Amino acid sequence: MTDVTEGQDVPPRPGPQGDISPEEVREHLRRRAIFLRELAEARELRRRVTPHRSRRARIHAALRRRTFRIN
């Protein structure tokens, strides 16, 4: 099996902290903090909204049981 990049000059990829300035690191951390805050907010909202779905499902299940009841 041969290496695909054999004979080609491929520049090495910089590591996670390669040539990044402190300002870029701060900006990245700021954007990440905003993202995580919004993600937590969305999860909280989803947690609060979900019971309405389960209540609706309970009502529909009760109606189905009532429909198939034998008189």
PDB file of N, CA and C in Angstrom:
ATOM      1  N   MET A   1       0.852  -1.179   0.000  1.00  0.00           N
ATOM      2  CA  MET A   1       0.000   0.000   0.000  1.00  0.00           C
ATOM      3  C   MET A   1       0.894   1.237   0.000  1.00  0.00           C
ATOM      4  N   THR A   2       0.612   2.178  -0.887  1.00  0.00           N
ATOM      5  CA  THR A   2       1.457   3.367  -0.990  1.00  0.00           C
ATOM      6  C   THR A   2       0.784   4.548  -0.331  1.00  0.00           C
ATOM      7  N   ASP A   3       1.595   5.482   0.087  1.00  0.00           N
ATOM      8  CA  ASP A   3       1.093   6.693   0.718  1.00  0.00           C
ATOM      9  C   ASP A   3       0.614   7.650  -0.370  1.00  0.00           C
ATOM     10  N   VAL A   4      -0.549   8.228  -0.187  1.00  0.00           N
ATOM     11  CA  VAL A   4      -1.136   9.125  -1.190  1.00  0.00           C
ATOM     12  C   VAL A   4      -0.301  10.385  -1.356  1.00  0.00           C
ATOM     13  N   THR A   5       0.270  10.893  -0.278  1.00  0.00           N
ATOM     14  CA  THR A   5       1.016  12.152  -0.335  1.00  0.00           C
ATOM     15  C   THR A   5       2.488  11.933  -0.649  1.00  0.00           C
ATOM     16  N   GLU A   6       2.854  10.735  -1.035  1.00  0.00           N
ATOM     17  CA  GLU A   6       4.261  10.443  -1.313  1.00  0.00           C
ATOM     18  C   GLU A   6       4.747  11.286  -2.492  1.00  0.00           C
ATOM     19  N   GLY A   7       5.869  11.950  -2.324  1.00  0.00           N
ATOM     20  CA  GLY A   7       6.438  12.753  -3.392  1.00  0.00           C
ATOM     21  C   GLY A   7       5.885  14.167  -3.456  1.00  0.00           C
ATOM     22  N   GLN A   8       4.886  14.486  -2.652  1.00  0.00           N
ATOM     23  CA  GLN A   8       4.306  15.831  -2.661  1.00  0.00           C
ATOM     24  C   GLN A   8       4.777  16.562  -1.411  1.00  0.00           C
ATOM     25  N   ASP A   9       4.963  17.868  -1.564  1.00  0.00           N
ATOM     26  CA  ASP A   9       5.343  18.676  -0.404  1.00  0.00           C
ATOM     27  C   ASP A   9       4.075  19.185   0.267  1.00  0.00           C
ATOM     28  N   VAL A  10       3.692  18.547   1.341  1.00  0.00           N
ATOM     29  CA  VAL A  10       2.494  18.934   2.077  1.00  0.00           C
ATOM     30  C   VAL A  10       2.945  19.650   3.338  1.00  0.00           C
ATOM     31  N   PRO A  11       2.544  20.935   3.483  1.00  0.00           N
ATOM     32  CA  PRO A  11       2.958  21.653   4.694  1.00  0.00           C
ATOM     33  C   PRO A  11       2.295  21.033   5.919  1.00  0.00           C
ATOM     34  N   PRO A  12       3.017  20.943   7.022  1.00  0.00           N
ATOM     35  CA  PRO A  12       2.408  20.372   8.233  1.00  0.00           C
ATOM     36  C   PRO A  12       1.297  21.276   8.744  1.00  0.00           C
ATOM     37  N   ARG A  13       0.268  20.653   9.257  1.00  0.00           N
ATOM     38  CA  ARG A  13      -0.856  21.428   9.798  1.00  0.00           C
ATOM     39  C   ARG A  13      -0.465  21.982  11.162  1.00  0.00           C
ATOM     40  N   PRO A  14      -0.845  23.226  11.426  1.00  0.00           N
ATOM     41  CA  PRO A  14      -0.546  23.763  12.755  1.00  0.00           C
ATOM     42  C   PRO A  14      -1.413  23.074  13.799  1.00  0.00           C
ATOM     43  N   GLY A  15      -0.897  22.969  15.004  1.00  0.00           N
ATOM     44  CA  GLY A  15      -1.648  22.354  16.092  1.00  0.00           C
ATOM     45  C   GLY A  15      -2.793  23.258  16.518  1.00  0.00           C
ATOM     46  N   PRO A  16      -3.525  22.845  17.535  1.00  0.00           N
ATOM     47  CA  PRO A  16      -4.661  23.649  17.984  1.00  0.00           C
ATOM     48  C   PRO A  16      -4.251  25.047  18.437  1.00  0.00           C
ATOM     49  N   GLN A  17      -3.054  25.199  18.936  1.00  0.00           N
ATOM     50  CA  GLN A  17      -2.588  26.515  19.378  1.00  0.00           C
ATOM     51  C   GLN A  17      -1.483  27.023  18.462  1.00  0.00           C
ATOM     52  N   GLY A  18      -1.487  26.646  17.182  1.00  0.00           N
ATOM     53  CA  GLY A  18      -0.459  27.007  16.212  1.00  0.00           C
ATOM     54  C   GLY A  18      -0.040  28.459  16.249  1.00  0.00           C
ATOM     55  N   ASP A  19      -0.369  29.213  15.215  1.00  0.00           N
ATOM     56  CA  ASP A  19       0.011  30.622  15.121  1.00  0.00           C
ATOM     57  C   ASP A  19      -1.196  31.508  15.422  1.00  0.00           C
ATOM     58  N   ILE A  20      -1.834  31.284  16.551  1.00  0.00           N
ATOM     59  CA  ILE A  20      -3.033  32.042  16.909  1.00  0.00           C
ATOM     60  C   ILE A  20      -2.643  33.125  17.906  1.00  0.00           C
ATOM     61  N   SER A  21      -3.078  34.344  17.607  1.00  0.00           N
ATOM     62  CA  SER A  21      -2.764  35.457  18.505  1.00  0.00           C
ATOM     63  C   SER A  21      -3.675  35.400  19.737  1.00  0.00           C
ATOM     64  N   PRO A  22      -3.280  36.052  20.810  1.00  0.00           N
ATOM     65  CA  PRO A  22      -4.121  36.076  22.025  1.00  0.00           C
ATOM     66  C   PRO A  22      -5.502  36.673  21.767  1.00  0.00           C
ATOM     67  N   GLU A  23      -5.582  37.645  20.846  1.00  0.00           N
ATOM     68  CA  GLU A  23      -6.882  38.235  20.523  1.00  0.00           C
ATOM     69  C   GLU A  23      -7.799  37.198  19.883  1.00  0.00           C
ATOM     70  N   GLU A  24      -7.224  36.372  18.994  1.00  0.00           N
ATOM     71  CA  GLU A  24      -8.023  35.333  18.343  1.00  0.00           C
ATOM     72  C   GLU A  24      -8.478  34.285  19.355  1.00  0.00           C
ATOM     73  N   VAL A  25      -7.627  33.975  20.313  1.00  0.00           N
ATOM     74  CA  VAL A  25      -8.002  33.018  21.359  1.00  0.00           C
ATOM     75  C   VAL A  25      -9.149  33.585  22.185  1.00  0.00           C
ATOM     76  N   ARG A  26      -9.042  34.870  22.560  1.00  0.00           N
ATOM     77  CA  ARG A  26     -10.111  35.516  23.332  1.00  0.00           C
ATOM     78  C   ARG A  26     -11.414  35.528  22.550  1.00  0.00           C
ATOM     79  N   GLU A  27     -11.342  35.852  21.256  1.00  0.00           N
ATOM     80  CA  GLU A  27     -12.537  35.886  20.407  1.00  0.00           C
ATOM     81  C   GLU A  27     -13.162  34.495  20.311  1.00  0.00           C
ATOM     82  N   HIS A  28     -12.325  33.484  20.154  1.00  0.00           N
ATOM     83  CA  HIS A  28     -12.820  32.107  20.078  1.00  0.00           C
ATOM     84  C   HIS A  28     -13.530  31.721  21.379  1.00  0.00           C
ATOM     85  N   LEU A  29     -12.913  32.040  22.509  1.00  0.00           N
ATOM     86  CA  LEU A  29     -13.512  31.707  23.803  1.00  0.00           C
ATOM     87  C   LEU A  29     -14.812  32.474  24.022  1.00  0.00           C
ATOM     88  N   ARG A  30     -14.849  33.732  23.561  1.00  0.00           N
ATOM     89  CA  ARG A  30     -16.075  34.533  23.693  1.00  0.00           C
ATOM     90  C   ARG A  30     -17.206  33.920  22.875  1.00  0.00           C
ATOM     91  N   ARG A  31     -16.890  33.553  21.605  1.00  0.00           N
ATOM     92  CA  ARG A  31     -17.914  32.933  20.752  1.00  0.00           C
ATOM     93  C   ARG A  31     -18.374  31.596  21.326  1.00  0.00           C
ATOM     94  N   ARG A  32     -17.430  30.838  21.885  1.00  0.00           N
ATOM     95  CA  ARG A  32     -17.779  29.535  22.468  1.00  0.00           C
ATOM     96  C   ARG A  32     -18.682  29.718  23.687  1.00  0.00           C
ATOM     97  N   ALA A  33     -18.382  30.727  24.511  1.00  0.00           N
ATOM     98  CA  ALA A  33     -19.206  30.996  25.692  1.00  0.00           C
ATOM     99  C   ALA A  33     -20.625  31.378  25.281  1.00  0.00           C
ATOM    100  N   ILE A  34     -20.738  32.210  24.235  1.00  0.00           N
ATOM    101  CA  ILE A  34     -22.059  32.599  23.738  1.00  0.00           C
ATOM    102  C   ILE A  34     -22.809  31.370  23.240  1.00  0.00           C
ATOM    103  N   PHE A  35     -22.120  30.519  22.476  1.00  0.00           N
ATOM    104  CA  PHE A  35     -22.744  29.310  21.946  1.00  0.00           C
ATOM    105  C   PHE A  35     -23.235  28.409  23.076  1.00  0.00           C
ATOM    106  N   LEU A  36     -22.393  28.191  24.087  1.00  0.00           N
ATOM    107  CA  LEU A  36     -22.781  27.308  25.185  1.00  0.00           C
ATOM    108  C   LEU A  36     -23.941  27.890  25.989  1.00  0.00           C
ATOM    109  N   ARG A  37     -23.947  29.221  26.143  1.00  0.00           N
ATOM    110  CA  ARG A  37     -25.049  29.872  26.849  1.00  0.00           C
ATOM    111  C   ARG A  37     -26.357  29.681  26.088  1.00  0.00           C
ATOM    112  N   GLU A  38     -26.318  29.890  24.753  1.00  0.00           N
ATOM    113  CA  GLU A  38     -27.521  29.711  23.941  1.00  0.00           C
ATOM    114  C   GLU A  38     -27.966  28.252  23.926  1.00  0.00           C
ATOM    115  N   LEU A  39     -27.012  27.330  23.920  1.00  0.00           N
ATOM    116  CA  LEU A  39     -27.345  25.913  23.948  1.00  0.00           C
ATOM    117  C   LEU A  39     -28.056  25.551  25.251  1.00  0.00           C
ATOM    118  N   ALA A  40     -27.552  26.053  26.363  1.00  0.00           N
ATOM    119  CA  ALA A  40     -28.190  25.789  27.660  1.00  0.00           C
ATOM    120  C   ALA A  40     -29.589  26.393  27.700  1.00  0.00           C
ATOM    121  N   GLU A  41     -29.733  27.591  27.126  1.00  0.00           N
ATOM    122  CA  GLU A  41     -31.039  28.245  27.082  1.00  0.00           C
ATOM    123  C   GLU A  41     -32.019  27.427  26.240  1.00  0.00           C
ATOM    124  N   ALA A  42     -31.554  26.912  25.103  1.00  0.00           N
ATOM    125  CA  ALA A  42     -32.414  26.101  24.237  1.00  0.00           C
ATOM    126  C   ALA A  42     -32.821  24.809  24.938  1.00  0.00           C
ATOM    127  N   ARG A  43     -31.883  24.188  25.654  1.00  0.00           N
ATOM    128  CA  ARG A  43     -32.215  22.955  26.386  1.00  0.00           C
ATOM    129  C   ARG A  43     -33.248  23.225  27.467  1.00  0.00           C
ATOM    130  N   GLU A  44     -33.084  24.333  28.180  1.00  0.00           N
ATOM    131  CA  GLU A  44     -34.034  24.698  29.229  1.00  0.00           C
ATOM    132  C   GLU A  44     -35.413  24.946  28.629  1.00  0.00           C
ATOM    133  N   LEU A  45     -35.456  25.661  27.521  1.00  0.00           N
ATOM    134  CA  LEU A  45     -36.727  25.932  26.856  1.00  0.00           C
ATOM    135  C   LEU A  45     -37.376  24.631  26.402  1.00  0.00           C
ATOM    136  N   ARG A  46     -36.582  23.742  25.817  1.00  0.00           N
ATOM    137  CA  ARG A  46     -37.097  22.448  25.364  1.00  0.00           C
ATOM    138  C   ARG A  46     -37.643  21.649  26.547  1.00  0.00           C
ATOM    139  N   ARG A  47     -36.949  21.710  27.685  1.00  0.00           N
ATOM    140  CA  ARG A  47     -37.397  20.980  28.874  1.00  0.00           C
ATOM    141  C   ARG A  47     -38.732  21.522  29.376  1.00  0.00           C
ATOM    142  N   ARG A  48     -38.911  22.841  29.273  1.00  0.00           N
ATOM    143  CA  ARG A  48     -40.168  23.443  29.725  1.00  0.00           C
ATOM    144  C   ARG A  48     -41.305  23.182  28.756  1.00  0.00           C
ATOM    145  N   VAL A  49     -41.014  23.099  27.458  1.00  0.00           N
ATOM    146  CA  VAL A  49     -42.063  22.953  26.451  1.00  0.00           C
ATOM    147  C   VAL A  49     -42.512  21.500  26.318  1.00  0.00           C
ATOM    148  N   THR A  50     -41.644  20.550  26.558  1.00  0.00           N
ATOM    149  CA  THR A  50     -41.942  19.135  26.344  1.00  0.00           C
ATOM    150  C   THR A  50     -43.178  18.630  27.094  1.00  0.00           C
ATOM    151  N   PRO A  51     -43.462  19.030  28.337  1.00  0.00           N
ATOM    152  CA  PRO A  51     -44.651  18.496  29.012  1.00  0.00           C
ATOM    153  C   PRO A  51     -45.951  18.727  28.258  1.00  0.00           C
ATOM    154  N   HIS A  52     -46.052  19.779  27.458  1.00  0.00           N
ATOM    155  CA  HIS A  52     -47.271  20.004  26.680  1.00  0.00           C
ATOM    156  C   HIS A  52     -47.481  18.868  25.696  1.00  0.00           C
ATOM    157  N   ARG A  53     -46.388  18.407  25.115  1.00  0.00           N
ATOM    158  CA  ARG A  53     -46.479  17.294  24.180  1.00  0.00           C
ATOM    159  C   ARG A  53     -46.965  16.038  24.895  1.00  0.00           C
ATOM    160  N   SER A  54     -46.422  15.765  26.068  1.00  0.00           N
ATOM    161  CA  SER A  54     -46.801  14.547  26.777  1.00  0.00           C
ATOM    162  C   SER A  54     -48.254  14.643  27.251  1.00  0.00           C
ATOM    163  N   ARG A  55     -48.699  15.834  27.614  1.00  0.00           N
ATOM    164  CA  ARG A  55     -50.091  16.015  28.033  1.00  0.00           C
ATOM    165  C   ARG A  55     -51.017  15.736  26.861  1.00  0.00           C
ATOM    166  N   ARG A  56     -50.664  16.259  25.692  1.00  0.00           N
ATOM    167  CA  ARG A  56     -51.463  16.017  24.495  1.00  0.00           C
ATOM    168  C   ARG A  56     -51.519  14.527  24.183  1.00  0.00           C
ATOM    169  N   ALA A  57     -50.378  13.857  24.328  1.00  0.00           N
ATOM    170  CA  ALA A  57     -50.331  12.416  24.072  1.00  0.00           C
ATOM    171  C   ALA A  57     -51.220  11.669  25.063  1.00  0.00           C
ATOM    172  N   ARG A  58     -51.234  12.092  26.333  1.00  0.00           N
ATOM    173  CA  ARG A  58     -52.107  11.440  27.330  1.00  0.00           C
ATOM    174  C   ARG A  58     -53.574  11.612  26.972  1.00  0.00           C
ATOM    175  N   ILE A  59     -53.953  12.804  26.523  1.00  0.00           N
ATOM    176  CA  ILE A  59     -55.346  13.065  26.152  1.00  0.00           C
ATOM    177  C   ILE A  59     -55.750  12.192  24.968  1.00  0.00           C
ATOM    178  N   HIS A  60     -54.890  12.110  23.956  1.00  0.00           N
ATOM    179  CA  HIS A  60     -55.194  11.282  22.783  1.00  0.00           C
ATOM    180  C   HIS A  60     -55.294   9.809  23.162  1.00  0.00           C
ATOM    181  N   ALA A  61     -54.419   9.349  24.035  1.00  0.00           N
ATOM    182  CA  ALA A  61     -54.472   7.951  24.467  1.00  0.00           C
ATOM    183  C   ALA A  61     -55.777   7.675  25.213  1.00  0.00           C
ATOM    184  N   ALA A  62     -56.207   8.620  26.061  1.00  0.00           N
ATOM    185  CA  ALA A  62     -57.466   8.448  26.792  1.00  0.00           C
ATOM    186  C   ALA A  62     -58.645   8.400  25.823  1.00  0.00           C
ATOM    187  N   LEU A  63     -58.614   9.243  24.806  1.00  0.00           N
ATOM    188  CA  LEU A  63     -59.695   9.230  23.813  1.00  0.00           C
ATOM    189  C   LEU A  63     -59.712   7.917  23.042  1.00  0.00           C
ATOM    190  N   ARG A  64     -58.545   7.391  22.712  1.00  0.00           N
ATOM    191  CA  ARG A  64     -58.497   6.100  22.013  1.00  0.00           C
ATOM    192  C   ARG A  64     -59.053   4.987  22.892  1.00  0.00           C
ATOM    193  N   ARG A  65     -58.706   4.998  24.171  1.00  0.00           N
ATOM    194  CA  ARG A  65     -59.231   3.962  25.078  1.00  0.00           C
ATOM    195  C   ARG A  65     -60.744   4.065  25.179  1.00  0.00           C
ATOM    196  N   ARG A  66     -61.251   5.287  25.244  1.00  0.00           N
ATOM    197  CA  ARG A  66     -62.690   5.494  25.358  1.00  0.00           C
ATOM    198  C   ARG A  66     -63.401   5.000  24.098  1.00  0.00           C
ATOM    199  N   THR A  67     -62.782   5.201  22.934  1.00  0.00           N
ATOM    200  CA  THR A  67     -63.385   4.806  21.660  1.00  0.00           C
ATOM    201  C   THR A  67     -63.583   3.296  21.587  1.00  0.00           C
ATOM    202  N   PHE A  68     -62.629   2.529  22.116  1.00  0.00           N
ATOM    203  CA  PHE A  68     -62.699   1.074  21.984  1.00  0.00           C
ATOM    204  C   PHE A  68     -63.342   0.395  23.190  1.00  0.00           C
ATOM    205  N   ARG A  69     -63.966   1.161  24.060  1.00  0.00           N
ATOM    206  CA  ARG A  69     -64.623   0.577  25.234  1.00  0.00           C
ATOM    207  C   ARG A  69     -65.906  -0.132  24.792  1.00  0.00           C
ATOM    208  N   ILE A  70     -66.155  -1.306  25.346  1.00  0.00           N
ATOM    209  CA  ILE A  70     -67.360  -2.071  25.002  1.00  0.00           C
ATOM    210  C   ILE A  70     -68.471  -1.660  25.957  1.00  0.00           C
ATOM    211  N   ASN A  71     -69.658  -1.383  25.398  1.00  0.00           N
ATOM    212  CA  ASN A  71     -70.808  -0.958  26.222  1.00  0.00           C
ATOM    213  C   ASN A  71     -71.529  -2.141  26.791  1.00  0.00           C
TER     214      ASN A  71
END
